[in-house]
PDB file of all heavy atoms in Angstrom:
ATOM      1  N   GLY A   1      96.056  79.491 113.835  1.00  0.00           N
ATOM      2  CA  GLY A   1      96.834  80.477 113.097  1.00  0.00           C
ATOM      3  C   GLY A   1      96.012  81.181 112.047  1.00  0.00           C
ATOM      4  O   GLY A   1      96.103  82.393 111.868  1.00  0.00           O
ATOM      5  N   ALA A   2      95.177  80.417 111.336  1.00  0.00           N
ATOM      6  CA  ALA A   2      94.345  81.017 110.294  1.00  0.00           C
ATOM      7  C   ALA A   2      93.354  81.996 110.885  1.00  0.00           C
ATOM      8  O   ALA A   2      93.154  83.098 110.373  1.00  0.00           O
ATOM      9  CB  ALA A   2      93.607  79.910 109.535  1.00  0.00           C
ATOM     10  N   VAL A   3      92.724  81.607 111.999  1.00  0.00           N
ATOM     11  CA  VAL A   3      91.753  82.490 112.656  1.00  0.00           C
ATOM     12  C   VAL A   3      92.432  83.757 113.149  1.00  0.00           C
ATOM     13  O   VAL A   3      91.900  84.868 113.022  1.00  0.00           O
ATOM     14  CB  VAL A   3      91.060  81.757 113.828  1.00  0.00           C
ATOM     15  CG1 VAL A   3      90.233  82.739 114.644  1.00  0.00           C
ATOM     16  CG2 VAL A   3      90.182  80.639 113.288  1.00  0.00           C
ATOM     17  N   SER A   4      93.637  83.629 113.704  1.00  0.00           N
ATOM     18  CA  SER A   4      94.365  84.793 114.210  1.00  0.00           C
ATOM     19  C   SER A   4      94.667  85.778 113.090  1.00  0.00           C
ATOM     20  O   SER A   4      94.537  86.986 113.241  1.00  0.00           O
ATOM     21  CB  SER A   4      95.674  84.352 114.867  1.00  0.00           C
ATOM     22  OG  SER A   4      95.410  83.525 115.975  1.00  0.00           O
ATOM     23  N   GLY A   5      95.091  85.233 111.933  1.00  0.00           N
ATOM     24  CA  GLY A   5      95.398  86.103 110.806  1.00  0.00           C
ATOM     25  C   GLY A   5      94.191  86.879 110.340  1.00  0.00           C
ATOM     26  O   GLY A   5      94.253  88.083 110.109  1.00  0.00           O
ATOM     27  N   ILE A   6      93.052  86.214 110.226  1.00  0.00           N
ATOM     28  CA  ILE A   6      91.824  86.877 109.792  1.00  0.00           C
ATOM     29  C   ILE A   6      91.394  87.914 110.805  1.00  0.00           C
ATOM     30  O   ILE A   6      90.981  89.019 110.461  1.00  0.00           O
ATOM     31  CB  ILE A   6      90.701  85.834 109.581  1.00  0.00           C
ATOM     32  CG1 ILE A   6      91.087  84.913 108.423  1.00  0.00           C
ATOM     33  CG2 ILE A   6      89.371  86.525 109.283  1.00  0.00           C
ATOM     34  CD1 ILE A   6      90.138  83.739 108.243  1.00  0.00           C
ATOM     35  N   ALA A   7      91.513  87.597 112.099  1.00  0.00           N
ATOM     36  CA  ALA A   7      91.087  88.524 113.149  1.00  0.00           C
ATOM     37  C   ALA A   7      91.940  89.778 113.150  1.00  0.00           C
ATOM     38  O   ALA A   7      91.434  90.894 113.259  1.00  0.00           O
ATOM     39  CB  ALA A   7      91.167  87.829 114.520  1.00  0.00           C
ATOM     40  N   VAL A   8      93.253  89.620 113.025  1.00  0.00           N
ATOM     41  CA  VAL A   8      94.148  90.775 113.022  1.00  0.00           C
ATOM     42  C   VAL A   8      93.856  91.668 111.837  1.00  0.00           C
ATOM     43  O   VAL A   8      93.815  92.886 111.936  1.00  0.00           O
ATOM     44  CB  VAL A   8      95.626  90.319 113.005  1.00  0.00           C
ATOM     45  CG1 VAL A   8      96.550  91.513 112.759  1.00  0.00           C
ATOM     46  CG2 VAL A   8      95.984  89.645 114.313  1.00  0.00           C
ATOM     47  N   LEU A   9      93.634  91.070 110.664  1.00  0.00           N
ATOM     48  CA  LEU A   9      93.339  91.846 109.469  1.00  0.00           C
ATOM     49  C   LEU A   9      92.035  92.607 109.622  1.00  0.00           C
ATOM     50  O   LEU A   9      91.919  93.780 109.258  1.00  0.00           O
ATOM     51  CB  LEU A   9      93.261  90.918 108.260  1.00  0.00           C
ATOM     52  CG  LEU A   9      93.033  91.597 106.901  1.00  0.00           C
ATOM     53  CD1 LEU A   9      94.177  92.570 106.623  1.00  0.00           C
ATOM     54  CD2 LEU A   9      92.930  90.573 105.796  1.00  0.00           C
ATOM     55  N   ALA A  10      91.030  91.961 110.205  1.00  0.00           N
ATOM     56  CA  ALA A  10      89.733  92.614 110.389  1.00  0.00           C
ATOM     57  C   ALA A  10      89.823  93.769 111.359  1.00  0.00           C
ATOM     58  O   ALA A  10      89.194  94.810 111.187  1.00  0.00           O
ATOM     59  CB  ALA A  10      88.718  91.587 110.893  1.00  0.00           C
ATOM     60  N   LEU A  11      90.649  93.599 112.412  1.00  0.00           N
ATOM     61  CA  LEU A  11      90.776  94.651 113.409  1.00  0.00           C
ATOM     62  C   LEU A  11      91.612  95.817 112.885  1.00  0.00           C
ATOM     63  O   LEU A  11      91.408  96.955 113.272  1.00  0.00           O
ATOM     64  CB  LEU A  11      91.431  94.086 114.682  1.00  0.00           C
ATOM     65  CG  LEU A  11      90.563  93.124 115.499  1.00  0.00           C
ATOM     66  CD1 LEU A  11      91.386  92.523 116.624  1.00  0.00           C
ATOM     67  CD2 LEU A  11      89.344  93.840 116.061  1.00  0.00           C
ATOM     68  N   SER A  12      92.552  95.546 111.986  1.00  0.00           N
ATOM     69  CA  SER A  12      93.416  96.617 111.492  1.00  0.00           C
ATOM     70  C   SER A  12      92.743  97.449 110.421  1.00  0.00           C
ATOM     71  O   SER A  12      93.076  98.615 110.237  1.00  0.00           O
ATOM     72  CB  SER A  12      94.712  96.024 110.933  1.00  0.00           C
ATOM     73  OG  SER A  12      94.445  95.211 109.799  1.00  0.00           O
ATOM     74  N   ALA A  13      91.768  96.902 109.697  1.00  0.00           N
ATOM     75  CA  ALA A  13      91.134  97.620 108.596  1.00  0.00           C
ATOM     76  C   ALA A  13      90.516  98.949 109.006  1.00  0.00           C
ATOM     77  O   ALA A  13      90.720  99.960 108.340  1.00  0.00           O
ATOM     78  CB  ALA A  13      90.088  96.717 107.939  1.00  0.00           C
ATOM     79  N   PRO A  14      89.733  99.026 110.121  1.00  0.00           N
ATOM     80  CA  PRO A  14      89.098 100.291 110.473  1.00  0.00           C
ATOM     81  C   PRO A  14      90.079 101.418 110.771  1.00  0.00           C
ATOM     82  O   PRO A  14      89.719 102.584 110.741  1.00  0.00           O
ATOM     83  CB  PRO A  14      88.280  99.928 111.736  1.00  0.00           C
ATOM     84  CG  PRO A  14      88.088  98.447 111.652  1.00  0.00           C
ATOM     85  CD  PRO A  14      89.332  97.938 111.008  1.00  0.00           C
ATOM     86  N   ALA A  15      91.343 101.084 111.052  1.00  0.00           N
ATOM     87  CA  ALA A  15      92.312 102.110 111.417  1.00  0.00           C
ATOM     88  C   ALA A  15      92.555 103.095 110.272  1.00  0.00           C
ATOM     89  O   ALA A  15      92.971 104.206 110.488  1.00  0.00           O
ATOM     90  CB  ALA A  15      93.632 101.459 111.839  1.00  0.00           C
ATOM     91  N   PHE A  16      92.316 102.661 109.039  1.00  0.00           N
ATOM     92  CA  PHE A  16      92.573 103.567 107.922  1.00  0.00           C
ATOM     93  C   PHE A  16      91.411 103.571 106.949  1.00  0.00           C
ATOM     94  O   PHE A  16      91.564 103.880 105.776  1.00  0.00           O
ATOM     95  CB  PHE A  16      93.867 103.153 107.204  1.00  0.00           C
ATOM     96  CG  PHE A  16      93.937 101.700 106.837  1.00  0.00           C
ATOM     97  CD1 PHE A  16      93.393 101.229 105.656  1.00  0.00           C
ATOM     98  CD2 PHE A  16      94.540 100.789 107.688  1.00  0.00           C
ATOM     99  CE1 PHE A  16      93.473  99.898 105.313  1.00  0.00           C
ATOM    100  CE2 PHE A  16      94.609  99.450 107.358  1.00  0.00           C
ATOM    101  CZ  PHE A  16      94.079  99.000 106.166  1.00  0.00           C
ATOM    102  N   ALA A  17      90.190 103.263 107.438  1.00  0.00           N
ATOM    103  CA  ALA A  17      89.088 103.041 106.514  1.00  0.00           C
ATOM    104  C   ALA A  17      88.233 104.257 106.235  1.00  0.00           C
ATOM    105  O   ALA A  17      87.631 104.333 105.187  1.00  0.00           O
ATOM    106  CB  ALA A  17      88.202 101.900 107.042  1.00  0.00           C
ATOM    107  N   HIS A  18      88.122 105.197 107.161  1.00  0.00           N
ATOM    108  CA  HIS A  18      87.135 106.255 106.955  1.00  0.00           C
ATOM    109  C   HIS A  18      87.703 107.657 107.160  1.00  0.00           C
ATOM    110  O   HIS A  18      88.808 107.837 107.677  1.00  0.00           O
ATOM    111  CB  HIS A  18      85.939 106.042 107.896  1.00  0.00           C
ATOM    112  CG  HIS A  18      86.326 105.914 109.339  1.00  0.00           C
ATOM    113  ND1 HIS A  18      86.715 106.986 110.100  1.00  0.00           N
ATOM    114  CD2 HIS A  18      86.385 104.835 110.161  1.00  0.00           C
ATOM    115  CE1 HIS A  18      86.985 106.584 111.336  1.00  0.00           C
ATOM    116  NE2 HIS A  18      86.808 105.283 111.398  1.00  0.00           N
ATOM    117  N   VAL A  19      86.933 108.658 106.739  1.00  0.00           N
ATOM    118  CA  VAL A  19      87.335 110.051 106.900  1.00  0.00           C
ATOM    119  C   VAL A  19      87.352 110.393 108.393  1.00  0.00           C
ATOM    120  O   VAL A  19      86.410 110.059 109.128  1.00  0.00           O
ATOM    121  CB  VAL A  19      86.357 110.987 106.159  1.00  0.00           C
ATOM    122  CG1 VAL A  19      86.717 112.449 106.426  1.00  0.00           C
ATOM    123  CG2 VAL A  19      86.393 110.707 104.662  1.00  0.00           C
ATOM    124  N   SER A  20      88.397 111.044 108.848  1.00  0.00           N
ATOM    125  CA  SER A  20      88.526 111.376 110.272  1.00  0.00           C
ATOM    126  C   SER A  20      89.071 112.783 110.430  1.00  0.00           C
ATOM    127  O   SER A  20      89.522 113.411 109.462  1.00  0.00           O
ATOM    128  CB  SER A  20      89.458 110.373 110.972  1.00  0.00           C
ATOM    129  OG  SER A  20      90.749 110.408 110.381  1.00  0.00           O
ATOM    130  N   VAL A  21      89.041 113.300 111.671  1.00  0.00           N
ATOM    131  CA  VAL A  21      89.586 114.624 111.967  1.00  0.00           C
ATOM    132  C   VAL A  21      90.422 114.544 113.237  1.00  0.00           C
ATOM    133  O   VAL A  21      90.013 113.928 114.223  1.00  0.00           O
ATOM    134  CB  VAL A  21      88.460 115.680 112.109  1.00  0.00           C
ATOM    135  CG1 VAL A  21      87.495 115.314 113.229  1.00  0.00           C
ATOM    136  CG2 VAL A  21      89.046 117.068 112.348  1.00  0.00           C
ATOM    137  N   GLN A  22      91.601 115.140 113.197  1.00  0.00           N
ATOM    138  CA  GLN A  22      92.503 115.157 114.347  1.00  0.00           C
ATOM    139  C   GLN A  22      93.155 116.529 114.456  1.00  0.00           C
ATOM    140  O   GLN A  22      93.481 117.157 113.445  1.00  0.00           O
ATOM    141  CB  GLN A  22      93.589 114.082 114.198  1.00  0.00           C
ATOM    142  CG  GLN A  22      93.105 112.650 114.330  1.00  0.00           C
ATOM    143  CD  GLN A  22      92.618 112.325 115.724  1.00  0.00           C
ATOM    144  OE1 GLN A  22      93.061 112.920 116.702  1.00  0.00           O
ATOM    145  NE2 GLN A  22      91.704 111.371 115.830  1.00  0.00           N
ATOM    146  N   PRO A  23      93.361 117.016 115.682  1.00  0.00           N
ATOM    147  CA  PRO A  23      94.027 118.320 115.848  1.00  0.00           C
ATOM    148  C   PRO A  23      95.535 118.190 115.692  1.00  0.00           C
ATOM    149  O   PRO A  23      96.111 117.135 115.971  1.00  0.00           O
ATOM    150  CB  PRO A  23      93.655 118.715 117.282  1.00  0.00           C
ATOM    151  CG  PRO A  23      93.515 117.400 117.990  1.00  0.00           C
ATOM    152  CD  PRO A  23      92.940 116.437 116.976  1.00  0.00           C
ATOM    153  N   GLU A  24      96.168 119.254 115.236  1.00  0.00           N
ATOM    154  CA  GLU A  24      97.621 119.320 115.225  1.00  0.00           C
ATOM    155  C   GLU A  24      98.035 119.945 116.554  1.00  0.00           C
ATOM    156  O   GLU A  24      98.071 121.155 116.704  1.00  0.00           O
ATOM    157  CB  GLU A  24      98.117 120.156 114.049  1.00  0.00           C
ATOM    158  CG  GLU A  24      97.782 119.553 112.689  1.00  0.00           C
ATOM    159  CD  GLU A  24      98.370 120.354 111.548  1.00  0.00           C
ATOM    160  OE1 GLU A  24      99.053 121.358 111.834  1.00  0.00           O
ATOM    161  OE2 GLU A  24      98.148 119.981 110.384  1.00  0.00           O
ATOM    162  N   GLY A  25      98.300 119.109 117.520  1.00  0.00           N
ATOM    163  CA  GLY A  25      98.570 119.607 118.865  1.00  0.00           C
ATOM    164  C   GLY A  25      97.333 119.412 119.725  1.00  0.00           C
ATOM    165  O   GLY A  25      96.782 118.319 119.812  1.00  0.00           O
ATOM    166  N   THR A  26      96.851 120.494 120.348  1.00  0.00           N
ATOM    167  CA  THR A  26      95.712 120.417 121.253  1.00  0.00           C
ATOM    168  C   THR A  26      94.571 121.294 120.764  1.00  0.00           C
ATOM    169  O   THR A  26      94.786 122.423 120.345  1.00  0.00           O
ATOM    170  CB  THR A  26      96.111 120.882 122.675  1.00  0.00           C
ATOM    171  OG1 THR A  26      97.182 120.056 123.149  1.00  0.00           O
ATOM    172  CG2 THR A  26      94.929 120.767 123.638  1.00  0.00           C
ATOM    173  N   ALA A  27      93.359 120.739 120.809  1.00  0.00           N
ATOM    174  CA  ALA A  27      92.156 121.516 120.489  1.00  0.00           C
ATOM    175  C   ALA A  27      91.456 121.801 121.814  1.00  0.00           C
ATOM    176  O   ALA A  27      90.625 121.018 122.289  1.00  0.00           O
ATOM    177  CB  ALA A  27      91.245 120.731 119.542  1.00  0.00           C
ATOM    178  N   ALA A  28      91.833 122.910 122.456  1.00  0.00           N
ATOM    179  CA  ALA A  28      91.320 123.235 123.784  1.00  0.00           C
ATOM    180  C   ALA A  28      90.072 124.104 123.695  1.00  0.00           C
ATOM    181  O   ALA A  28      89.960 124.965 122.813  1.00  0.00           O
ATOM    182  CB  ALA A  28      92.393 123.949 124.610  1.00  0.00           C
ATOM    183  N   LYS A  29      89.151 123.880 124.596  1.00  0.00           N
ATOM    184  CA  LYS A  29      87.915 124.663 124.646  1.00  0.00           C
ATOM    185  C   LYS A  29      88.240 126.149 124.782  1.00  0.00           C
ATOM    186  O   LYS A  29      89.084 126.541 125.583  1.00  0.00           O
ATOM    187  CB  LYS A  29      87.052 124.215 125.827  1.00  0.00           C
ATOM    188  CG  LYS A  29      86.600 122.759 125.757  1.00  0.00           C
ATOM    189  CD  LYS A  29      85.777 122.373 126.981  1.00  0.00           C
ATOM    190  CE  LYS A  29      85.365 120.916 126.934  1.00  0.00           C
ATOM    191  NZ  LYS A  29      84.556 120.522 128.117  1.00  0.00           N
ATOM    192  N   GLY A  30      87.549 126.958 123.986  1.00  0.00           N
ATOM    193  CA  GLY A  30      87.745 128.390 124.060  1.00  0.00           C
ATOM    194  C   GLY A  30      88.922 128.917 123.260  1.00  0.00           C
ATOM    195  O   GLY A  30      89.104 130.124 123.148  1.00  0.00           O
ATOM    196  N   GLY A  31      89.725 128.010 122.687  1.00  0.00           N
ATOM    197  CA  GLY A  31      90.911 128.446 121.959  1.00  0.00           C
ATOM    198  C   GLY A  31      90.797 128.213 120.464  1.00  0.00           C
ATOM    199  O   GLY A  31      89.722 127.973 119.924  1.00  0.00           O
ATOM    200  N   TYR A  32      91.935 128.317 119.791  1.00  0.00           N
ATOM    201  CA  TYR A  32      92.034 128.091 118.352  1.00  0.00           C
ATOM    202  C   TYR A  32      92.881 126.845 118.102  1.00  0.00           C
ATOM    203  O   TYR A  32      93.720 126.478 118.924  1.00  0.00           O
ATOM    204  CB  TYR A  32      92.661 129.293 117.653  1.00  0.00           C
ATOM    205  CG  TYR A  32      91.746 130.496 117.564  1.00  0.00           C
ATOM    206  CD1 TYR A  32      91.533 131.304 118.692  1.00  0.00           C
ATOM    207  CD2 TYR A  32      91.095 130.816 116.382  1.00  0.00           C
ATOM    208  CE1 TYR A  32      90.693 132.399 118.623  1.00  0.00           C
ATOM    209  CE2 TYR A  32      90.253 131.914 116.305  1.00  0.00           C
ATOM    210  CZ  TYR A  32      90.054 132.705 117.432  1.00  0.00           C
ATOM    211  OH  TYR A  32      89.203 133.781 117.367  1.00  0.00           O
ATOM    212  N   ALA A  33      92.674 126.208 116.961  1.00  0.00           N
ATOM    213  CA  ALA A  33      93.436 125.007 116.645  1.00  0.00           C
ATOM    214  C   ALA A  33      93.491 124.805 115.143  1.00  0.00           C
ATOM    215  O   ALA A  33      92.658 125.329 114.398  1.00  0.00           O
ATOM    216  CB  ALA A  33      92.807 123.777 117.314  1.00  0.00           C
ATOM    217  N   VAL A  34      94.490 124.056 114.713  1.00  0.00           N
ATOM    218  CA  VAL A  34      94.560 123.592 113.330  1.00  0.00           C
ATOM    219  C   VAL A  34      94.201 122.113 113.349  1.00  0.00           C
ATOM    220  O   VAL A  34      94.797 121.337 114.108  1.00  0.00           O
ATOM    221  CB  VAL A  34      95.967 123.792 112.731  1.00  0.00           C
ATOM    222  CG1 VAL A  34      96.051 123.140 111.350  1.00  0.00           C
ATOM    223  CG2 VAL A  34      96.286 125.274 112.626  1.00  0.00           C
ATOM    224  N   VAL A  35      93.218 121.735 112.561  1.00  0.00           N
ATOM    225  CA  VAL A  35      92.787 120.343 112.519  1.00  0.00           C
ATOM    226  C   VAL A  35      92.982 119.801 111.109  1.00  0.00           C
ATOM    227  O   VAL A  35      92.908 120.544 110.124  1.00  0.00           O
ATOM    228  CB  VAL A  35      91.306 120.188 112.943  1.00  0.00           C
ATOM    229  CG1 VAL A  35      91.121 120.662 114.375  1.00  0.00           C
ATOM    230  CG2 VAL A  35      90.374 120.933 112.008  1.00  0.00           C
ATOM    231  N   ASP A  36      93.236 118.495 111.025  1.00  0.00           N
ATOM    232  CA  ASP A  36      93.429 117.831 109.734  1.00  0.00           C
ATOM    233  C   ASP A  36      92.269 116.877 109.461  1.00  0.00           C
ATOM    234  O   ASP A  36      91.978 115.999 110.282  1.00  0.00           O
ATOM    235  CB  ASP A  36      94.728 117.018 109.739  1.00  0.00           C
ATOM    236  CG  ASP A  36      95.962 117.895 109.804  1.00  0.00           C
ATOM    237  OD1 ASP A  36      95.900 119.014 109.272  1.00  0.00           O
ATOM    238  OD2 ASP A  36      96.970 117.458 110.396  1.00  0.00           O
ATOM    239  N   PHE A  37      91.631 117.052 108.317  1.00  0.00           N
ATOM    240  CA  PHE A  37      90.645 116.078 107.859  1.00  0.00           C
ATOM    241  C   PHE A  37      91.400 115.079 106.987  1.00  0.00           C
ATOM    242  O   PHE A  37      91.901 115.418 105.915  1.00  0.00           O
ATOM    243  CB  PHE A  37      89.526 116.765 107.074  1.00  0.00           C
ATOM    244  CG  PHE A  37      88.652 117.628 107.928  1.00  0.00           C
ATOM    245  CD1 PHE A  37      88.881 118.996 108.033  1.00  0.00           C
ATOM    246  CD2 PHE A  37      87.608 117.077 108.662  1.00  0.00           C
ATOM    247  CE1 PHE A  37      88.096 119.798 108.837  1.00  0.00           C
ATOM    248  CE2 PHE A  37      86.804 117.873 109.474  1.00  0.00           C
ATOM    249  CZ  PHE A  37      87.052 119.236 109.563  1.00  0.00           C
ATOM    250  N   LYS A  38      91.482 113.846 107.471  1.00  0.00           N
ATOM    251  CA  LYS A  38      92.257 112.810 106.787  1.00  0.00           C
ATOM    252  C   LYS A  38      91.330 111.961 105.924  1.00  0.00           C
ATOM    253  O   LYS A  38      90.350 111.403 106.408  1.00  0.00           O
ATOM    254  CB  LYS A  38      92.978 111.932 107.814  1.00  0.00           C
ATOM    255  CG  LYS A  38      93.875 110.868 107.194  1.00  0.00           C
ATOM    256  CD  LYS A  38      94.568 110.068 108.284  1.00  0.00           C
ATOM    257  CE  LYS A  38      95.428 108.972 107.695  1.00  0.00           C
ATOM    258  NZ  LYS A  38      96.084 108.162 108.754  1.00  0.00           N
ATOM    259  N   VAL A  39      91.653 111.873 104.632  1.00  0.00           N
ATOM    260  CA  VAL A  39      90.785 111.179 103.675  1.00  0.00           C
ATOM    261  C   VAL A  39      91.551 110.047 102.987  1.00  0.00           C
ATOM    262  O   VAL A  39      92.381 110.297 102.112  1.00  0.00           O
ATOM    263  CB  VAL A  39      90.247 112.157 102.615  1.00  0.00           C
ATOM    264  CG1 VAL A  39      89.299 111.439 101.658  1.00  0.00           C
ATOM    265  CG2 VAL A  39      89.547 113.333 103.275  1.00  0.00           C
TER     266      VAL A  39
END
């Protein structure tokens, strides 16, 4: 149980750890898009 708790916490940390970029909708080649830089 202790190992499982530590492992889950370690795996969940990167999900919100660093600056990232994601499109609002689709970022298609040749087109326009709105993207969010999440900090």
